[in-house]
Protein backbone atom coordinates (compact mmCIF):
# COMPACT_ATOMS: atom_id res chain seq x y z
CA MET A 1 -14.01 13.29 14.02
CA SER A 2 -14.32 11.32 17.24
CA SER A 3 -11.33 10.15 19.22
CA LYS A 4 -12.15 6.57 18.20
CA GLU A 5 -12.06 7.59 14.52
CA ASN A 6 -8.82 9.49 15.08
CA ALA A 7 -7.30 6.39 16.66
CA ALA A 8 -8.36 4.25 13.67
CA VAL A 9 -6.86 6.73 11.20
CA GLY A 10 -3.68 6.85 13.28
CA GLN A 11 -3.42 3.05 13.28
CA LEU A 12 -3.91 2.90 9.52
CA PHE A 13 -1.35 5.63 8.90
CA ALA A 14 1.14 3.89 11.19
CA LEU A 15 0.78 0.73 9.13
CA LEU A 16 1.02 2.53 5.79
CA GLU A 17 4.01 4.58 6.93
CA SER A 18 6.02 1.40 7.44
CA ARG A 19 8.79 1.21 4.90
CA TYR A 20 7.57 -0.29 1.60
CA ALA A 21 4.02 -0.98 2.88
CA LEU A 22 2.37 1.24 0.29
CA ARG A 23 4.67 -0.04 -2.43
CA VAL A 24 3.67 -3.63 -1.64
CA LEU A 25 -0.02 -2.71 -1.80
CA TRP A 26 0.53 -0.73 -4.99
CA ALA A 27 2.35 -3.66 -6.62
CA LEU A 28 -0.76 -5.79 -6.03
CA LYS A 29 -3.26 -3.21 -7.28
CA ASP A 30 -3.91 -4.93 -10.61
CA GLY A 31 -5.73 -7.72 -8.78
CA HIS A 32 -3.44 -10.53 -9.91
CA ALA A 33 -1.75 -12.69 -7.29
CA GLN A 34 2.03 -12.53 -7.19
CA THR A 35 4.56 -14.96 -5.83
CA PHE A 36 7.01 -13.74 -3.20
CA ARG A 37 9.82 -13.40 -5.77
CA LEU A 38 7.64 -11.60 -8.31
CA LEU A 39 6.36 -9.27 -5.63
CA GLN A 40 9.93 -8.57 -4.50
CA ASP A 41 10.84 -7.67 -8.09
CA SER A 42 7.70 -5.54 -8.46
CA VAL A 43 8.46 -3.54 -5.33
CA GLY A 44 12.16 -3.19 -6.15
CA GLY A 45 14.93 -2.69 -3.64
CA ILE A 46 13.17 -4.51 -0.81
CA THR A 47 15.03 -7.21 1.06
CA PRO A 48 13.37 -10.60 1.60
CA ASN A 49 13.24 -9.99 5.36
CA THR A 50 11.55 -6.61 4.97
CA LEU A 51 9.08 -7.97 2.43
CA ASN A 52 8.26 -10.88 4.71
CA THR A 53 7.66 -8.49 7.61
CA ARG A 54 5.45 -6.15 5.54
CA LEU A 55 3.43 -9.06 4.17
CA LYS A 56 2.90 -10.39 7.68
CA GLU A 57 1.71 -6.96 8.88
CA LEU A 58 -0.54 -6.44 5.86
CA ARG A 59 -2.01 -9.93 6.25
CA LEU A 60 -2.71 -9.31 9.95
CA ALA A 61 -4.42 -6.05 8.94
CA ASN A 62 -6.56 -8.03 6.44
CA LEU A 63 -5.30 -6.00 3.48
CA VAL A 64 -3.35 -8.83 1.82
CA THR A 65 -4.03 -12.53 1.61
CA HIS A 66 -1.92 -15.49 0.55
CA GLY A 67 -3.29 -18.32 -1.55
CA ASN A 68 -2.08 -21.03 -3.90
CA GLU A 69 -1.18 -18.51 -6.60
CA GLY A 70 0.61 -16.08 -4.29
CA TYR A 71 -0.17 -12.81 -2.56
CA ALA A 72 -3.17 -10.68 -3.46
CA LEU A 73 -5.22 -7.86 -2.05
CA THR A 74 -8.25 -8.67 0.06
CA THR A 75 -11.55 -6.89 -0.48
CA GLN A 76 -10.47 -4.39 2.18
CA GLY A 77 -7.11 -3.94 0.47
CA LEU A 78 -8.82 -3.25 -2.85
CA ASP A 79 -11.15 -0.77 -1.14
CA LEU A 80 -8.21 1.02 0.44
CA LEU A 81 -6.37 1.34 -2.88
CA LYS A 82 -9.55 2.55 -4.57
CA ARG A 83 -9.79 5.30 -1.97
CA LEU A 84 -6.09 6.09 -2.26
CA GLY A 85 -6.57 6.34 -6.03
CA ASP A 86 -7.94 9.82 -5.49
CA LEU A 87 -4.42 10.74 -4.44
CA ASN A 88 -3.28 10.34 -8.06
CA ALA A 89 -5.35 13.31 -9.18
CA PHE A 90 -4.35 15.33 -6.16
CA ALA A 91 -0.65 14.46 -6.54
CA SER A 92 -0.66 15.47 -10.20
CA LYS A 93 -2.20 18.87 -9.45
CA TRP A 94 0.09 19.34 -6.47
CA ALA A 95 3.25 18.46 -8.43
CA THR A 96 2.27 20.90 -11.20
CA ALA A 97 1.74 23.66 -8.64
CA GLN A 98 5.07 22.87 -6.99
CA ALA A 99 6.88 23.00 -10.34
CA LYS A 100 5.32 26.40 -11.07
CA LYS A 101 6.43 27.70 -7.66
CA ALA A 102 9.99 26.54 -8.29
CA LYS A 103 10.29 28.61 -11.49
């Protein structure tokens, strides 16, 4: 991986590591727009200020958009979640292996 690619991955990880960023994206994964209040309820436990900050960051990163019906994923946001979807299979296998190790 080139240093330019490493920098891009680092930037993406920095964004996704922000508190609640992944949860906001995940709450929008069904493709339906959500109002601010509905999104806050979907994420759970997030303050309005934090949600506003995350939405601003995710909009600047072109992962989330805001329209008349509320917040939704952009094409890039949908692509990212599609790629992160592979983590579900990995996480399931990993959790099973961890549970076996704990016994």
